[in-house]
Amino acid sequence: MPKINKLASQERERERESKRSSNKKKVIWALYDDAFSSYKKAIKQYFDGKFDVYSIGINDVKFKEKKNYFYKRTDLSLSNFSLINQLNELPKPDIILASPPCESWSGADCGGRMFRSINEKGEWIVKNSKYYDEYNKKCHKVKTRHFLQKEISRIVGESTIGGTIRIIQHFKPKIWVIENPKTSKTWDFQKYHWNFKGYENSTYYSSYDSSFSAKPTIFKSNIRLNLKNKKIKGNKDHMARGDYSKRSSIPEKLIKDMVTQIVHIL
């Protein structure tokens, strides 16, 4: 075959391969999407059939959808030594959307908080058993906190965000997003303990759906997201009503906005 024809043939093959790649559905891993399944529901609502979505969490969940939507139960924490091997059974993700547990990082518990801070030098302030013995003597009865419960919550929080970061670093998706409340101490922990950085994209839930509370939230990512950041009056009773799954849900229009921006970048 003349050299020029061979080069032309190779170029056509590269074009065909590029077209096959562009037509292939992108794979989304939705980590901890097992409570209200907000990611799966919003993607089905607005992008049905455009992605293969793998919701991965710790509960027994069944999806009635037979195509493009899958659920895998997995311990996503660092304490699962088989974590990477178990996730290797799935198609490699193009996108990871993660909402790891936020309870242990919350500043809302005031004097009952165990994890207080971590600075640039990596020095932590974490309250110990003796602190809770003294705290419970002085606090109102309804604010009593037990060291063991707080210790378990702290370990779960550190291990699950650690597992999330490990997954992202190992599988290297084109785009990743981690969601947690804006006031969460997880952001300092990620930055100063894990040296894990990204764009901290801020928004309010009520900016997308007034039936939600304002709930200032960060969607940290390896890309800059232009999310609505004007505080709109929302439903103050949202966090007080319903079970944990409903309280931890994310507005569908917020997810739509975020995924739309991701699609444009991809």
Protein backbone atom coordinates (compact mmCIF):
# COMPACT_ATOMS: atom_id res chain seq x y z
CA MET A 1 0.00 0.00 0.00
CA PRO A 2 1.44 3.43 -0.93
CA LYS A 3 2.50 5.42 2.10
CA ILE A 4 -0.02 8.22 1.48
CA ASN A 5 -2.93 5.71 1.31
CA LYS A 6 -1.77 4.04 4.51
CA LEU A 7 -1.70 7.39 6.33
CA ALA A 8 -5.18 8.23 5.05
CA SER A 9 -6.47 4.83 6.24
CA GLN A 10 -4.99 5.39 9.71
CA GLU A 11 -6.57 8.83 9.88
CA ARG A 12 -10.01 7.42 8.97
CA GLU A 13 -9.63 4.75 11.66
CA ARG A 14 -8.77 7.42 14.25
CA GLU A 15 -11.87 9.37 13.22
CA ARG A 16 -14.06 6.27 13.54
CA GLU A 17 -12.59 5.50 16.98
CA SER A 18 -13.18 9.08 18.08
CA LYS A 19 -16.79 8.87 16.90
CA ARG A 20 -17.35 5.56 18.72
CA SER A 21 -15.92 7.09 21.88
CA SER A 22 -18.11 10.20 21.65
CA ASN A 23 -21.25 8.09 21.07
CA LYS A 24 -20.56 5.85 24.07
CA LYS A 25 -22.60 6.69 27.16
CA LYS A 26 -20.66 8.38 29.95
CA VAL A 27 -20.57 6.49 33.24
CA ILE A 28 -21.57 8.27 36.45
CA TRP A 29 -20.79 6.88 39.89
CA ALA A 30 -23.15 8.42 42.47
CA LEU A 31 -21.53 7.64 45.82
CA TYR A 32 -23.84 7.44 48.86
CA ASP A 33 -26.86 7.85 46.56
CA ASP A 34 -28.84 5.32 48.59
CA ALA A 35 -31.04 7.44 50.83
CA PHE A 36 -33.38 9.55 48.69
CA SER A 37 -31.39 8.66 45.53
CA SER A 38 -31.34 12.33 44.56
CA TYR A 39 -28.67 11.97 41.88
CA LYS A 40 -30.33 9.02 40.17
CA LYS A 41 -33.79 10.61 40.27
CA ALA A 42 -32.64 13.96 38.87
CA ILE A 43 -30.57 12.37 36.10
CA LYS A 44 -33.51 10.17 35.11
CA GLN A 45 -35.80 13.20 35.14
CA TYR A 46 -33.63 15.43 32.96
CA PHE A 47 -31.04 13.24 31.20
CA ASP A 48 -32.77 9.88 30.83
CA GLY A 49 -30.77 7.47 28.68
CA LYS A 50 -27.79 9.79 28.28
CA PHE A 51 -25.70 8.23 31.07
CA ASP A 52 -25.14 4.88 32.72
CA VAL A 53 -25.65 5.71 36.40
CA TYR A 54 -24.21 3.49 39.13
CA SER A 55 -25.55 4.51 42.52
CA ILE A 56 -23.24 3.08 45.16
CA GLY A 57 -24.13 3.06 48.85
CA ILE A 58 -24.35 1.13 52.09
CA ASN A 59 -28.06 0.17 52.23
CA ASP A 60 -30.24 -2.46 50.58
CA VAL A 61 -31.78 -0.56 47.67
CA LYS A 62 -33.48 -1.83 44.52
CA PHE A 63 -34.08 0.27 41.40
CA LYS A 64 -37.08 -0.66 39.26
CA GLU A 65 -35.30 0.73 36.18
CA LYS A 66 -33.80 -2.04 34.06
CA LYS A 67 -31.67 0.12 31.77
CA ASN A 68 -29.00 2.75 32.46
CA TYR A 69 -29.55 2.65 36.26
CA PHE A 70 -27.77 0.28 38.62
CA TYR A 71 -27.26 -0.04 42.38
CA LYS A 72 -24.31 -1.59 44.19
CA ARG A 73 -24.10 -1.98 47.94
CA THR A 74 -20.54 -1.39 49.14
CA ASP A 75 -18.75 -0.20 52.25
CA LEU A 76 -17.22 3.01 50.88
CA SER A 77 -15.02 3.72 53.88
CA LEU A 78 -11.27 3.32 54.30
CA SER A 79 -11.91 0.43 56.67
CA ASN A 80 -13.01 -1.67 53.68
CA PHE A 81 -9.70 -3.15 52.54
CA SER A 82 -11.41 -4.63 49.44
CA LEU A 83 -12.91 -1.28 48.37
CA ILE A 84 -10.94 -0.78 45.16
CA ASN A 85 -11.25 -4.44 44.11
CA GLN A 86 -15.02 -4.32 44.62
CA LEU A 87 -15.39 -1.14 42.58
CA ASN A 88 -13.16 -2.54 39.84
CA GLU A 89 -16.10 -4.80 38.99
CA LEU A 90 -17.93 -1.75 37.60
CA PRO A 91 -17.24 0.22 34.42
CA LYS A 92 -14.71 2.99 35.06
CA PRO A 93 -16.40 6.31 35.89
CA ASP A 94 -16.22 9.42 33.72
CA ILE A 95 -17.94 11.38 36.49
CA ILE A 96 -18.12 10.86 40.27
CA LEU A 97 -20.82 12.63 42.30
CA ALA A 98 -20.41 12.04 46.05
CA SER A 99 -22.42 13.00 49.14
CA PRO A 100 -20.53 11.40 52.05
CA PRO A 101 -22.09 11.52 55.56
CA CYS A 102 -21.90 14.99 57.08
CA GLU A 103 -23.14 14.49 60.66
CA SER A 104 -19.76 14.28 62.37
CA TRP A 105 -18.54 17.43 60.57
CA SER A 106 -21.48 19.63 61.48
CA GLY A 107 -21.00 22.75 63.55
CA ALA A 108 -24.66 22.75 64.59
CA ASP A 109 -24.05 20.69 67.75
CA CYS A 110 -22.24 23.61 69.42
CA GLY A 111 -20.68 22.45 72.70
CA GLY A 112 -21.40 18.81 71.86
CA ARG A 113 -19.14 18.80 68.81
CA MET A 114 -16.19 16.41 68.98
CA PHE A 115 -14.21 17.54 65.90
CA ARG A 116 -13.46 21.24 66.39
CA SER A 117 -10.79 22.24 63.89
CA ILE A 118 -7.63 21.43 62.01
CA ASN A 119 -5.09 24.04 60.97
CA GLU A 120 -2.56 24.41 58.15
CA LYS A 121 0.07 22.62 60.23
CA GLY A 122 -2.19 19.58 60.48
CA GLU A 123 -2.85 20.10 64.19
CA TRP A 124 -6.29 18.81 65.24
CA ILE A 125 -8.57 19.82 68.06
CA VAL A 126 -10.76 16.82 68.95
CA LYS A 127 -12.62 16.55 72.25
CA ASN A 128 -11.91 13.47 74.41
CA SER A 129 -13.86 11.29 76.84
CA LYS A 130 -13.03 13.48 79.83
CA TYR A 131 -14.45 16.53 78.05
CA TYR A 132 -17.85 14.82 77.67
CA ASP A 133 -17.87 13.73 81.29
CA GLU A 134 -17.54 17.38 82.31
CA TYR A 135 -19.78 18.71 79.54
CA ASN A 136 -22.70 16.45 80.54
CA LYS A 137 -22.53 17.67 84.14
CA LYS A 138 -23.19 21.26 83.04
CA CYS A 139 -25.34 21.05 79.89
CA HIS A 140 -29.13 20.92 79.70
CA LYS A 141 -30.43 17.34 79.81
CA VAL A 142 -31.60 17.40 76.18
CA LYS A 143 -28.06 18.32 75.10
CA THR A 144 -26.40 15.36 76.80
CA ARG A 145 -23.85 13.72 74.50
CA HIS A 146 -22.19 10.33 74.92
CA PHE A 147 -18.52 9.98 74.09
CA LEU A 148 -18.85 6.56 72.43
CA GLN A 149 -21.56 7.74 70.03
CA LYS A 150 -19.61 10.85 69.12
CA GLU A 151 -16.41 8.82 68.67
CA ILE A 152 -18.13 6.38 66.29
CA SER A 153 -19.59 9.27 64.31
CA ARG A 154 -16.17 10.93 64.06
CA ILE A 155 -14.50 7.74 62.82
CA VAL A 156 -17.27 7.18 60.26
CA GLY A 157 -16.92 10.76 59.01
CA GLU A 158 -13.15 10.58 58.63
CA SER A 159 -13.22 7.12 57.06
CA THR A 160 -15.96 7.87 54.53
CA ILE A 161 -14.47 11.12 53.27
CA GLY A 162 -11.10 9.34 53.19
CA GLY A 163 -12.67 6.53 51.16
CA THR A 164 -14.24 9.05 48.78
CA ILE A 165 -10.91 10.77 48.18
CA ARG A 166 -9.16 7.43 47.67
CA ILE A 167 -11.75 6.41 45.07
CA ILE A 168 -11.31 9.68 43.18
CA GLN A 169 -7.52 9.48 43.29
CA HIS A 170 -7.48 5.84 42.16
CA PHE A 171 -10.07 5.92 39.35
CA LYS A 172 -9.25 9.45 38.16
CA PRO A 173 -12.62 10.44 36.67
CA LYS A 174 -12.68 13.33 34.22
CA ILE A 175 -14.89 15.26 36.65
CA TRP A 176 -15.59 14.71 40.34
CA VAL A 177 -17.89 16.52 42.78
CA ILE A 178 -18.18 16.21 46.59
CA GLU A 179 -21.20 17.70 48.36
CA ASN A 180 -21.45 18.77 52.02
CA PRO A 181 -22.84 21.73 54.00
CA LYS A 182 -20.84 24.94 53.68
CA THR A 183 -20.20 25.08 57.44
CA SER A 184 -18.92 21.49 57.52
CA LYS A 185 -15.43 20.96 58.97
CA THR A 186 -14.82 18.37 56.26
CA TRP A 187 -13.44 21.08 53.97
CA ASP A 188 -10.60 21.90 56.37
CA PHE A 189 -10.03 18.20 56.96
CA GLN A 190 -9.73 17.52 53.22
CA LYS A 191 -7.42 20.47 52.68
CA TYR A 192 -5.11 20.23 55.68
CA HIS A 193 -5.13 16.49 56.43
CA TRP A 194 -5.45 14.96 52.96
CA ASN A 195 -4.00 17.87 50.99
CA PHE A 196 -6.98 17.35 48.68
CA LYS A 197 -8.00 20.56 46.96
CA GLY A 198 -10.52 21.74 44.41
CA TYR A 199 -12.96 24.51 43.58
CA GLU A 200 -15.40 25.05 46.45
CA ASN A 201 -18.56 25.97 44.51
CA SER A 202 -21.15 27.52 46.84
CA THR A 203 -24.92 27.54 46.48
CA TYR A 204 -28.20 27.57 48.43
CA TYR A 205 -30.79 24.82 48.11
CA SER A 206 -33.65 27.33 48.26
CA SER A 207 -32.19 29.14 45.23
CA TYR A 208 -33.29 26.13 43.19
CA ASP A 209 -36.40 25.04 45.10
CA SER A 210 -38.21 27.20 47.68
CA SER A 211 -39.68 24.09 49.33
CA PHE A 212 -36.16 23.43 50.68
CA SER A 213 -34.44 25.42 53.41
CA ALA A 214 -31.64 27.77 52.36
CA LYS A 215 -29.03 25.19 53.45
CA PRO A 216 -25.79 26.83 52.27
CA THR A 217 -23.86 24.02 50.58
CA ILE A 218 -20.57 23.47 48.78
CA PHE A 219 -20.15 21.24 45.75
CA LYS A 220 -16.38 20.89 45.68
CA SER A 221 -15.03 19.86 42.30
CA ASN A 222 -12.02 19.73 40.01
CA ILE A 223 -13.90 22.19 37.78
CA ARG A 224 -15.42 25.58 38.45
CA LEU A 225 -19.23 25.41 38.57
CA ASN A 226 -21.38 28.49 38.13
CA LEU A 227 -24.10 27.58 40.65
CA LYS A 228 -26.79 29.97 41.86
CA ASN A 229 -25.37 31.81 44.85
CA LYS A 230 -28.08 34.32 45.71
CA LYS A 231 -29.79 33.45 48.97
CA ILE A 232 -33.55 33.00 48.48
CA LYS A 233 -36.01 32.66 51.34
CA GLY A 234 -36.88 29.00 51.66
CA ASN A 235 -38.86 26.63 53.84
CA LYS A 236 -37.50 26.87 57.38
CA ASP A 237 -39.37 23.71 58.39
CA HIS A 238 -37.72 21.54 55.73
CA MET A 239 -34.98 20.20 58.00
CA ALA A 240 -37.43 19.57 60.85
CA ARG A 241 -39.89 17.49 58.83
CA GLY A 242 -39.56 14.02 57.38
CA ASP A 243 -36.95 11.34 57.89
CA TYR A 244 -33.20 11.53 57.37
CA SER A 245 -33.50 10.52 53.71
CA LYS A 246 -35.76 13.45 52.88
CA ARG A 247 -33.71 15.90 54.92
CA SER A 248 -30.54 14.84 53.10
CA SER A 249 -32.09 15.09 49.63
CA ILE A 250 -30.80 17.55 47.02
CA PRO A 251 -33.05 19.72 44.81
CA GLU A 252 -33.44 18.09 41.39
CA LYS A 253 -33.02 21.41 39.56
CA LEU A 254 -29.70 21.98 41.32
CA ILE A 255 -28.44 18.60 40.11
CA LYS A 256 -29.79 19.39 36.63
CA ASP A 257 -27.84 22.66 36.55
CA MET A 258 -24.65 20.99 37.76
CA VAL A 259 -24.84 18.03 35.35
CA THR A 260 -25.69 20.35 32.43
CA GLN A 261 -22.50 22.31 33.11
CA ILE A 262 -20.52 19.08 33.38
CA VAL A 263 -21.90 17.89 30.02
CA HIS A 264 -20.81 21.12 28.35
CA ILE A 265 -17.30 20.72 29.71
CA LEU A 266 -17.07 17.06 28.67
